[in-house]
């Protein structure tokens, strides 16, 4: 019976979705509304961190879920996701 309970616990842990890790971005990283390096799609954002792994990858750009500072989180005008070069991540912050 004990081995059955242990197996159930292991199965429960294995089925948990993988949590995203939070990373800072390299200084000077530019975010875009589309996966294109164009001023037309460039976004002006406050300091932001990103969740890794990215949501999508296209032409060297990754679509990241954005994590804002507490003061900016309730601003409905700020996008929830944005495109940046996939190499934009810098330092690991948390899981």
PDB file of N, CA and C in Angstrom:
ATOM      1  N   UNK A   1       0.824  -1.196   0.000  1.00  0.00           N
ATOM      2  CA  UNK A   1       0.000   0.000   0.000  1.00  0.00           C
ATOM      3  C   UNK A   1       0.872   1.265   0.000  1.00  0.00           C
ATOM      4  N   UNK A   2       1.971   1.198   0.769  1.00  0.00           N
ATOM      5  CA  UNK A   2       2.846   2.356   0.843  1.00  0.00           C
ATOM      6  C   UNK A   2       3.458   2.684  -0.525  1.00  0.00           C
ATOM      7  N   UNK A   3       3.836   1.674  -1.288  1.00  0.00           N
ATOM      8  CA  UNK A   3       4.426   1.915  -2.608  1.00  0.00           C
ATOM      9  C   UNK A   3       3.384   2.501  -3.563  1.00  0.00           C
ATOM     10  N   UNK A   4       2.123   2.106  -3.418  1.00  0.00           N
ATOM     11  CA  UNK A   4       1.053   2.673  -4.241  1.00  0.00           C
ATOM     12  C   UNK A   4       0.883   4.168  -3.962  1.00  0.00           C
ATOM     13  N   UNK A   5       0.904   4.558  -2.697  1.00  0.00           N
ATOM     14  CA  UNK A   5       0.792   5.971  -2.338  1.00  0.00           C
ATOM     15  C   UNK A   5       1.993   6.768  -2.846  1.00  0.00           C
ATOM     16  N   UNK A   6       3.180   6.189  -2.757  1.00  0.00           N
ATOM     17  CA  UNK A   6       4.377   6.862  -3.253  1.00  0.00           C
ATOM     18  C   UNK A   6       4.281   7.067  -4.764  1.00  0.00           C
ATOM     19  N   UNK A   7       3.785   6.063  -5.476  1.00  0.00           N
ATOM     20  CA  UNK A   7       3.620   6.182  -6.933  1.00  0.00           C
ATOM     21  C   UNK A   7       2.610   7.270  -7.270  1.00  0.00           C
ATOM     22  N   UNK A   8       1.521   7.344  -6.514  1.00  0.00           N
ATOM     23  CA  UNK A   8       0.516   8.396  -6.740  1.00  0.00           C
ATOM     24  C   UNK A   8       1.118   9.783  -6.526  1.00  0.00           C
ATOM     25  N   UNK A   9       1.916   9.941  -5.483  1.00  0.00           N
ATOM     26  CA  UNK A   9       2.553  11.229  -5.227  1.00  0.00           C
ATOM     27  C   UNK A   9       3.498  11.617  -6.356  1.00  0.00           C
ATOM     28  N   UNK A  10       4.264  10.654  -6.849  1.00  0.00           N
ATOM     29  CA  UNK A  10       5.187  10.933  -7.951  1.00  0.00           C
ATOM     30  C   UNK A  10       4.433  11.303  -9.222  1.00  0.00           C
ATOM     31  N   UNK A  11       3.340  10.625  -9.505  1.00  0.00           N
ATOM     32  CA  UNK A  11       2.539  10.948 -10.689  1.00  0.00           C
ATOM     33  C   UNK A  11       1.938  12.341 -10.578  1.00  0.00           C
ATOM     34  N   UNK A  12       1.506  12.712  -9.403  1.00  0.00           N
ATOM     35  CA  UNK A  12       0.939  14.047  -9.190  1.00  0.00           C
ATOM     36  C   UNK A  12       1.966  15.137  -9.432  1.00  0.00           C
ATOM     37  N   UNK A  13       3.188  14.913  -8.998  1.00  0.00           N
ATOM     38  CA  UNK A  13       4.240  15.894  -9.210  1.00  0.00           C
ATOM     39  C   UNK A  13       4.661  15.955 -10.667  1.00  0.00           C
ATOM     40  N   UNK A  14       4.672  14.837 -11.352  1.00  0.00           N
ATOM     41  CA  UNK A  14       5.091  14.791 -12.756  1.00  0.00           C
ATOM     42  C   UNK A  14       4.082  15.485 -13.660  1.00  0.00           C
ATOM     43  N   UNK A  15       2.815  15.532 -13.248  1.00  0.00           N
ATOM     44  CA  UNK A  15       1.802  16.135 -14.102  1.00  0.00           C
ATOM     45  C   UNK A  15       1.659  17.643 -13.885  1.00  0.00           C
ATOM     46  N   UNK A  16       2.370  18.195 -12.898  1.00  0.00           N
ATOM     47  CA  UNK A  16       2.323  19.645 -12.683  1.00  0.00           C
ATOM     48  C   UNK A  16       2.900  20.363 -13.893  1.00  0.00           C
ATOM     49  N   UNK A  17       2.248  21.432 -14.351  1.00  0.00           N
ATOM     50  CA  UNK A  17       2.816  22.165 -15.482  1.00  0.00           C
ATOM     51  C   UNK A  17       4.131  22.828 -15.071  1.00  0.00           C
ATOM     52  N   UNK A  18       5.019  22.950 -16.016  1.00  0.00           N
ATOM     53  CA  UNK A  18       6.306  23.576 -15.749  1.00  0.00           C
ATOM     54  C   UNK A  18       6.087  25.064 -15.516  1.00  0.00           C
ATOM     55  N   UNK A  19       6.614  25.560 -14.432  1.00  0.00           N
ATOM     56  CA  UNK A  19       6.475  26.975 -14.110  1.00  0.00           C
ATOM     57  C   UNK A  19       7.492  27.777 -14.898  1.00  0.00           C
ATOM     58  N   UNK A  20       7.091  28.954 -15.284  1.00  0.00           N
ATOM     59  CA  UNK A  20       8.006  29.840 -16.006  1.00  0.00           C
ATOM     60  C   UNK A  20       8.974  30.482 -15.019  1.00  0.00           C
ATOM     61  N   UNK A  21      10.158  30.742 -15.501  1.00  0.00           N
ATOM     62  CA  UNK A  21      11.170  31.443 -14.710  1.00  0.00           C
ATOM     63  C   UNK A  21      11.164  32.903 -15.126  1.00  0.00           C
ATOM     64  N   UNK A  22      11.478  33.787 -14.198  1.00  0.00           N
ATOM     65  CA  UNK A  22      11.513  35.219 -14.469  1.00  0.00           C
ATOM     66  C   UNK A  22      12.965  35.648 -14.683  1.00  0.00           C
ATOM     67  N   UNK A  23      13.199  36.375 -15.778  1.00  0.00           N
ATOM     68  CA  UNK A  23      14.536  36.868 -16.104  1.00  0.00           C
ATOM     69  C   UNK A  23      14.494  38.375 -16.339  1.00  0.00           C
ATOM     70  N   UNK A  24      15.599  39.038 -16.020  1.00  0.00           N
ATOM     71  CA  UNK A  24      15.752  40.430 -16.442  1.00  0.00           C
ATOM     72  C   UNK A  24      16.088  40.396 -17.932  1.00  0.00           C
ATOM     73  N   UNK A  25      16.043  41.552 -18.564  1.00  0.00           N
ATOM     74  CA  UNK A  25      16.440  41.642 -19.968  1.00  0.00           C
ATOM     75  C   UNK A  25      17.715  42.468 -20.063  1.00  0.00           C
ATOM     76  N   UNK A  26      18.470  42.244 -21.114  1.00  0.00           N
ATOM     77  CA  UNK A  26      19.716  42.968 -21.305  1.00  0.00           C
ATOM     78  C   UNK A  26      19.425  44.455 -21.478  1.00  0.00           C
ATOM     79  N   UNK A  27      20.307  45.314 -20.979  1.00  0.00           N
ATOM     80  CA  UNK A  27      20.131  46.758 -21.164  1.00  0.00           C
ATOM     81  C   UNK A  27      20.026  47.086 -22.656  1.00  0.00           C
ATOM     82  N   UNK A  28      19.103  47.961 -22.991  1.00  0.00           N
ATOM     83  CA  UNK A  28      18.921  48.369 -24.379  1.00  0.00           C
ATOM     84  C   UNK A  28      18.005  47.462 -25.183  1.00  0.00           C
ATOM     85  N   UNK A  29      17.426  46.439 -24.547  1.00  0.00           N
ATOM     86  CA  UNK A  29      16.513  45.552 -25.261  1.00  0.00           C
ATOM     87  C   UNK A  29      15.295  46.338 -25.731  1.00  0.00           C
ATOM     88  N   UNK A  30      14.937  46.132 -26.972  1.00  0.00           N
ATOM     89  CA  UNK A  30      13.773  46.805 -27.554  1.00  0.00           C
ATOM     90  C   UNK A  30      12.685  45.769 -27.770  1.00  0.00           C
ATOM     91  N   UNK A  31      11.474  46.107 -27.348  1.00  0.00           N
ATOM     92  CA  UNK A  31      10.319  45.224 -27.528  1.00  0.00           C
ATOM     93  C   UNK A  31       9.452  45.759 -28.658  1.00  0.00           C
ATOM     94  N   UNK A  32       8.821  44.816 -29.362  1.00  0.00           N
ATOM     95  CA  UNK A  32       7.991  45.147 -30.517  1.00  0.00           C
ATOM     96  C   UNK A  32       6.623  44.492 -30.384  1.00  0.00           C
ATOM     97  N   UNK A  33       5.631  45.086 -31.035  1.00  0.00           N
ATOM     98  CA  UNK A  33       4.285  44.507 -31.028  1.00  0.00           C
ATOM     99  C   UNK A  33       4.163  43.379 -32.054  1.00  0.00           C
ATOM    100  N   UNK A  34       5.079  43.308 -32.997  1.00  0.00           N
ATOM    101  CA  UNK A  34       5.139  42.266 -34.021  1.00  0.00           C
ATOM    102  C   UNK A  34       6.572  41.743 -34.091  1.00  0.00           C
ATOM    103  N   UNK A  35       6.788  40.522 -34.591  1.00  0.00           N
ATOM    104  CA  UNK A  35       8.151  39.990 -34.666  1.00  0.00           C
ATOM    105  C   UNK A  35       8.945  40.584 -35.833  1.00  0.00           C
ATOM    106  N   UNK A  36       9.033  41.891 -35.850  1.00  0.00           N
ATOM    107  CA  UNK A  36       9.747  42.606 -36.902  1.00  0.00           C
ATOM    108  C   UNK A  36      10.517  43.758 -36.281  1.00  0.00           C
ATOM    109  N   UNK A  37      11.776  43.911 -36.674  1.00  0.00           N
ATOM    110  CA  UNK A  37      12.602  44.990 -36.156  1.00  0.00           C
ATOM    111  C   UNK A  37      12.318  46.245 -36.972  1.00  0.00           C
ATOM    112  N   UNK A  38      11.267  46.952 -36.565  1.00  0.00           N
ATOM    113  CA  UNK A  38      10.829  48.140 -37.281  1.00  0.00           C
ATOM    114  C   UNK A  38      10.334  49.174 -36.271  1.00  0.00           C
ATOM    115  N   UNK A  39      10.671  50.440 -36.512  1.00  0.00           N
ATOM    116  CA  UNK A  39      10.193  51.505 -35.621  1.00  0.00           C
ATOM    117  C   UNK A  39       8.674  51.535 -35.557  1.00  0.00           C
ATOM    118  N   UNK A  40       8.039  51.106 -36.615  1.00  0.00           N
ATOM    119  CA  UNK A  40       6.571  51.083 -36.680  1.00  0.00           C
ATOM    120  C   UNK A  40       5.979  50.219 -35.561  1.00  0.00           C
ATOM    121  N   UNK A  41       6.664  49.131 -35.192  1.00  0.00           N
ATOM    122  CA  UNK A  41       6.149  48.195 -34.196  1.00  0.00           C
ATOM    123  C   UNK A  41       6.834  48.330 -32.839  1.00  0.00           C
ATOM    124  N   UNK A  42       7.755  49.267 -32.696  1.00  0.00           N
ATOM    125  CA  UNK A  42       8.509  49.434 -31.452  1.00  0.00           C
ATOM    126  C   UNK A  42       7.594  49.907 -30.328  1.00  0.00           C
ATOM    127  N   UNK A  43       7.757  49.312 -29.138  1.00  0.00           N
ATOM    128  CA  UNK A  43       6.967  49.661 -27.959  1.00  0.00           C
ATOM    129  C   UNK A  43       7.817  50.452 -26.979  1.00  0.00           C
ATOM    130  N   UNK A  44       7.226  51.432 -26.359  1.00  0.00           N
ATOM    131  CA  UNK A  44       7.869  52.194 -25.283  1.00  0.00           C
ATOM    132  C   UNK A  44       7.352  51.625 -23.971  1.00  0.00           C
ATOM    133  N   UNK A  45       8.207  50.899 -23.258  1.00  0.00           N
ATOM    134  CA  UNK A  45       7.793  50.232 -22.023  1.00  0.00           C
ATOM    135  C   UNK A  45       8.628  50.705 -20.849  1.00  0.00           C
ATOM    136  N   UNK A  46       8.035  50.667 -19.635  1.00  0.00           N
ATOM    137  CA  UNK A  46       8.846  50.915 -18.436  1.00  0.00           C
ATOM    138  C   UNK A  46       9.749  49.702 -18.206  1.00  0.00           C
ATOM    139  N   UNK A  47      10.520  49.725 -17.142  1.00  0.00           N
ATOM    140  CA  UNK A  47      11.381  48.569 -16.832  1.00  0.00           C
ATOM    141  C   UNK A  47      10.529  47.313 -16.752  1.00  0.00           C
ATOM    142  N   UNK A  48      11.007  46.277 -17.403  1.00  0.00           N
ATOM    143  CA  UNK A  48      10.222  45.050 -17.497  1.00  0.00           C
ATOM    144  C   UNK A  48      11.127  43.835 -17.358  1.00  0.00           C
ATOM    145  N   UNK A  49      10.542  42.761 -16.884  1.00  0.00           N
ATOM    146  CA  UNK A  49      11.192  41.450 -16.852  1.00  0.00           C
ATOM    147  C   UNK A  49      10.339  40.523 -17.698  1.00  0.00           C
ATOM    148  N   UNK A  50      10.876  39.354 -18.034  1.00  0.00           N
ATOM    149  CA  UNK A  50      10.140  38.444 -18.902  1.00  0.00           C
ATOM    150  C   UNK A  50      10.084  37.049 -18.305  1.00  0.00           C
ATOM    151  N   UNK A  51       9.029  36.314 -18.701  1.00  0.00           N
ATOM    152  CA  UNK A  51       8.917  34.912 -18.323  1.00  0.00           C
ATOM    153  C   UNK A  51       9.590  34.070 -19.404  1.00  0.00           C
ATOM    154  N   UNK A  52      10.350  33.074 -18.960  1.00  0.00           N
ATOM    155  CA  UNK A  52      11.015  32.143 -19.859  1.00  0.00           C
ATOM    156  C   UNK A  52      10.552  30.748 -19.461  1.00  0.00           C
ATOM    157  N   UNK A  53      10.174  29.889 -20.375  1.00  0.00           N
ATOM    158  CA  UNK A  53      10.387  29.968 -21.806  1.00  0.00           C
ATOM    159  C   UNK A  53       9.413  30.924 -22.481  1.00  0.00           C
ATOM    160  N   UNK A  54       9.833  31.456 -23.633  1.00  0.00           N
ATOM    161  CA  UNK A  54       8.954  32.372 -24.367  1.00  0.00           C
ATOM    162  C   UNK A  54       7.724  31.636 -24.899  1.00  0.00           C
ATOM    163  N   UNK A  55       6.691  32.402 -25.217  1.00  0.00           N
ATOM    164  CA  UNK A  55       5.442  31.835 -25.682  1.00  0.00           C
ATOM    165  C   UNK A  55       5.542  31.326 -27.125  1.00  0.00           C
ATOM    166  N   UNK A  56       6.293  32.032 -27.953  1.00  0.00           N
ATOM    167  CA  UNK A  56       6.447  31.659 -29.361  1.00  0.00           C
ATOM    168  C   UNK A  56       7.781  32.149 -29.879  1.00  0.00           C
ATOM    169  N   UNK A  57       8.196  31.579 -30.989  1.00  0.00           N
ATOM    170  CA  UNK A  57       9.453  31.964 -31.625  1.00  0.00           C
ATOM    171  C   UNK A  57       9.183  32.158 -33.108  1.00  0.00           C
ATOM    172  N   UNK A  58       9.663  33.271 -33.668  1.00  0.00           N
ATOM    173  CA  UNK A  58       9.479  33.542 -35.100  1.00  0.00           C
ATOM    174  C   UNK A  58      10.613  34.414 -35.610  1.00  0.00           C
ATOM    175  N   UNK A  59      11.357  33.922 -36.577  1.00  0.00           N
ATOM    176  CA  UNK A  59      12.387  34.698 -37.267  1.00  0.00           C
ATOM    177  C   UNK A  59      13.408  35.332 -36.318  1.00  0.00           C
ATOM    178  N   UNK A  60      13.836  34.601 -35.292  1.00  0.00           N
ATOM    179  CA  UNK A  60      14.817  35.133 -34.348  1.00  0.00           C
ATOM    180  C   UNK A  60      14.228  35.981 -33.237  1.00  0.00           C
ATOM    181  N   UNK A  61      12.917  36.193 -33.267  1.00  0.00           N
ATOM    182  CA  UNK A  61      12.222  36.931 -32.217  1.00  0.00           C
ATOM    183  C   UNK A  61      11.422  35.954 -31.372  1.00  0.00           C
ATOM    184  N   UNK A  62      11.316  36.255 -30.083  1.00  0.00           N
ATOM    185  CA  UNK A  62      10.499  35.457 -29.175  1.00  0.00           C
ATOM    186  C   UNK A  62       9.406  36.340 -28.593  1.00  0.00           C
ATOM    187  N   UNK A  63       8.239  35.759 -28.434  1.00  0.00           N
ATOM    188  CA  UNK A  63       7.125  36.482 -27.804  1.00  0.00           C
ATOM    189  C   UNK A  63       7.152  36.141 -26.320  1.00  0.00           C
ATOM    190  N   UNK A  64       7.463  37.145 -25.515  1.00  0.00           N
ATOM    191  CA  UNK A  64       7.601  36.963 -24.073  1.00  0.00           C
ATOM    192  C   UNK A  64       6.376  37.488 -23.339  1.00  0.00           C
ATOM    193  N   UNK A  65       6.040  36.814 -22.240  1.00  0.00           N
ATOM    194  CA  UNK A  65       5.058  37.348 -21.309  1.00  0.00           C
ATOM    195  C   UNK A  65       5.821  38.348 -20.451  1.00  0.00           C
ATOM    196  N   UNK A  66       5.298  39.564 -20.333  1.00  0.00           N
ATOM    197  CA  UNK A  66       5.987  40.640 -19.629  1.00  0.00           C
ATOM    198  C   UNK A  66       5.608  40.681 -18.156  1.00  0.00           C
ATOM    199  N   UNK A  67       6.577  40.981 -17.317  1.00  0.00           N
ATOM    200  CA  UNK A  67       6.363  41.117 -15.875  1.00  0.00           C
ATOM    201  C   UNK A  67       6.830  42.521 -15.501  1.00  0.00           C
ATOM    202  N   UNK A  68       5.881  43.342 -15.066  1.00  0.00           N
ATOM    203  CA  UNK A  68       6.175  44.734 -14.724  1.00  0.00           C
ATOM    204  C   UNK A  68       6.399  44.900 -13.226  1.00  0.00           C
ATOM    205  N   UNK A  69       7.015  46.023 -12.847  1.00  0.00           N
ATOM    206  CA  UNK A  69       7.121  46.381 -11.435  1.00  0.00           C
ATOM    207  C   UNK A  69       5.713  46.564 -10.880  1.00  0.00           C
ATOM    208  N   UNK A  70       5.588  46.467  -9.583  1.00  0.00           N
ATOM    209  CA  UNK A  70       4.274  46.556  -8.938  1.00  0.00           C
ATOM    210  C   UNK A  70       3.558  47.857  -9.310  1.00  0.00           C
ATOM    211  N   UNK A  71       4.268  48.947  -9.386  1.00  0.00           N
ATOM    212  CA  UNK A  71       3.660  50.250  -9.703  1.00  0.00           C
ATOM    213  C   UNK A  71       3.044  50.283 -11.104  1.00  0.00           C
ATOM    214  N   UNK A  72       3.539  49.457 -12.023  1.00  0.00           N
ATOM    215  CA  UNK A  72       3.056  49.461 -13.402  1.00  0.00           C
ATOM    216  C   UNK A  72       2.073  48.343 -13.721  1.00  0.00           C
ATOM    217  N   UNK A  73       1.912  47.387 -12.844  1.00  0.00           N
ATOM    218  CA  UNK A  73       1.109  46.190 -13.145  1.00  0.00           C
ATOM    219  C   UNK A  73      -0.357  46.465 -13.414  1.00  0.00           C
ATOM    220  N   UNK A  74      -0.925  47.490 -12.823  1.00  0.00           N
ATOM    221  CA  UNK A  74      -2.352  47.769 -12.999  1.00  0.00           C
ATOM    222  C   UNK A  74      -2.642  48.702 -14.162  1.00  0.00           C
ATOM    223  N   UNK A  75      -1.633  49.074 -14.922  1.00  0.00           N
ATOM    224  CA  UNK A  75      -1.818  49.980 -16.050  1.00  0.00           C
ATOM    225  C   UNK A  75      -2.385  49.194 -17.242  1.00  0.00           C
ATOM    226  N   UNK A  76      -3.655  49.420 -17.603  1.00  0.00           N
ATOM    227  CA  UNK A  76      -4.273  48.653 -18.690  1.00  0.00           C
ATOM    228  C   UNK A  76      -3.701  48.992 -20.070  1.00  0.00           C
ATOM    229  N   UNK A  77      -2.954  50.076 -20.182  1.00  0.00           N
ATOM    230  CA  UNK A  77      -2.384  50.465 -21.470  1.00  0.00           C
ATOM    231  C   UNK A  77      -1.107  49.689 -21.810  1.00  0.00           C
ATOM    232  N   UNK A  78      -0.509  49.046 -20.828  1.00  0.00           N
ATOM    233  CA  UNK A  78       0.719  48.285 -21.065  1.00  0.00           C
ATOM    234  C   UNK A  78       0.375  46.886 -21.581  1.00  0.00           C
ATOM    235  N   UNK A  79       1.083  46.424 -22.615  1.00  0.00           N
ATOM    236  CA  UNK A  79       0.787  45.093 -23.163  1.00  0.00           C
ATOM    237  C   UNK A  79       1.203  43.975 -22.208  1.00  0.00           C
ATOM    238  N   UNK A  80       0.509  42.849 -22.299  1.00  0.00           N
ATOM    239  CA  UNK A  80       0.834  41.677 -21.478  1.00  0.00           C
ATOM    240  C   UNK A  80       1.984  40.876 -22.090  1.00  0.00           C
ATOM    241  N   UNK A  81       2.113  40.952 -23.428  1.00  0.00           N
ATOM    242  CA  UNK A  81       3.180  40.250 -24.125  1.00  0.00           C
ATOM    243  C   UNK A  81       3.815  41.185 -25.145  1.00  0.00           C
ATOM    244  N   UNK A  82       5.033  40.840 -25.549  1.00  0.00           N
ATOM    245  CA  UNK A  82       5.718  41.618 -26.578  1.00  0.00           C
ATOM    246  C   UNK A  82       6.818  40.756 -27.186  1.00  0.00           C
ATOM    247  N   UNK A  83       7.257  41.147 -28.374  1.00  0.00           N
ATOM    248  CA  UNK A  83       8.318  40.446 -29.099  1.00  0.00           C
ATOM    249  C   UNK A  83       9.666  41.129 -28.844  1.00  0.00           C
ATOM    250  N   UNK A  84      10.690  40.324 -28.706  1.00  0.00           N
ATOM    251  CA  UNK A  84      12.069  40.817 -28.588  1.00  0.00           C
ATOM    252  C   UNK A  84      12.981  39.740 -29.152  1.00  0.00           C
ATOM    253  N   UNK A  85      14.224  40.100 -29.385  1.00  0.00           N
ATOM    254  CA  UNK A  85      15.191  39.105 -29.832  1.00  0.00           C
ATOM    255  C   UNK A  85      15.262  38.007 -28.782  1.00  0.00           C
ATOM    256  N   UNK A  86      15.361  36.774 -29.204  1.00  0.00           N
ATOM    257  CA  UNK A  86      15.372  35.636 -28.275  1.00  0.00           C
ATOM    258  C   UNK A  86      16.559  35.658 -27.318  1.00  0.00           C
ATOM    259  N   UNK A  87      17.608  36.387 -27.652  1.00  0.00           N
ATOM    260  CA  UNK A  87      18.797  36.465 -26.796  1.00  0.00           C
ATOM    261  C   UNK A  87      18.715  37.636 -25.823  1.00  0.00           C
ATOM    262  N   UNK A  88      17.540  38.195 -25.623  1.00  0.00           N
ATOM    263  CA  UNK A  88      17.367  39.392 -24.799  1.00  0.00           C
ATOM    264  C   UNK A  88      17.466  39.119 -23.299  1.00  0.00           C
ATOM    265  N   UNK A  89      17.290  37.876 -22.872  1.00  0.00           N
ATOM    266  CA  UNK A  89      17.298  37.596 -21.434  1.00  0.00           C
ATOM    267  C   UNK A  89      18.685  37.791 -20.850  1.00  0.00           C
ATOM    268  N   UNK A  90      18.702  38.178 -19.581  1.00  0.00           N
ATOM    269  CA  UNK A  90      19.970  38.485 -18.929  1.00  0.00           C
ATOM    270  C   UNK A  90      20.170  37.598 -17.707  1.00  0.00           C
ATOM    271  N   UNK A  91      19.590  37.978 -16.575  1.00  0.00           N
ATOM    272  CA  UNK A  91      19.805  37.257 -15.332  1.00  0.00           C
ATOM    273  C   UNK A  91      18.527  36.604 -14.830  1.00  0.00           C
ATOM    274  N   UNK A  92      18.685  35.419 -14.230  1.00  0.00           N
ATOM    275  CA  UNK A  92      17.582  34.699 -13.611  1.00  0.00           C
ATOM    276  C   UNK A  92      17.174  35.415 -12.330  1.00  0.00           C
ATOM    277  N   UNK A  93      15.863  35.630 -12.165  1.00  0.00           N
ATOM    278  CA  UNK A  93      15.353  36.277 -10.956  1.00  0.00           C
ATOM    279  C   UNK A  93      14.665  35.273 -10.041  1.00  0.00           C
ATOM    280  N   UNK A  94      13.645  34.565 -10.546  1.00  0.00           N
ATOM    281  CA  UNK A  94      12.923  33.610  -9.712  1.00  0.00           C
ATOM    282  C   UNK A  94      12.126  32.647 -10.578  1.00  0.00           C
ATOM    283  N   UNK A  95      11.573  31.656  -9.909  1.00  0.00           N
ATOM    284  CA  UNK A  95      10.718  30.678 -10.568  1.00  0.00           C
ATOM    285  C   UNK A  95       9.320  30.827 -10.108  1.00  0.00           C
TER     286      UNK A  95
END
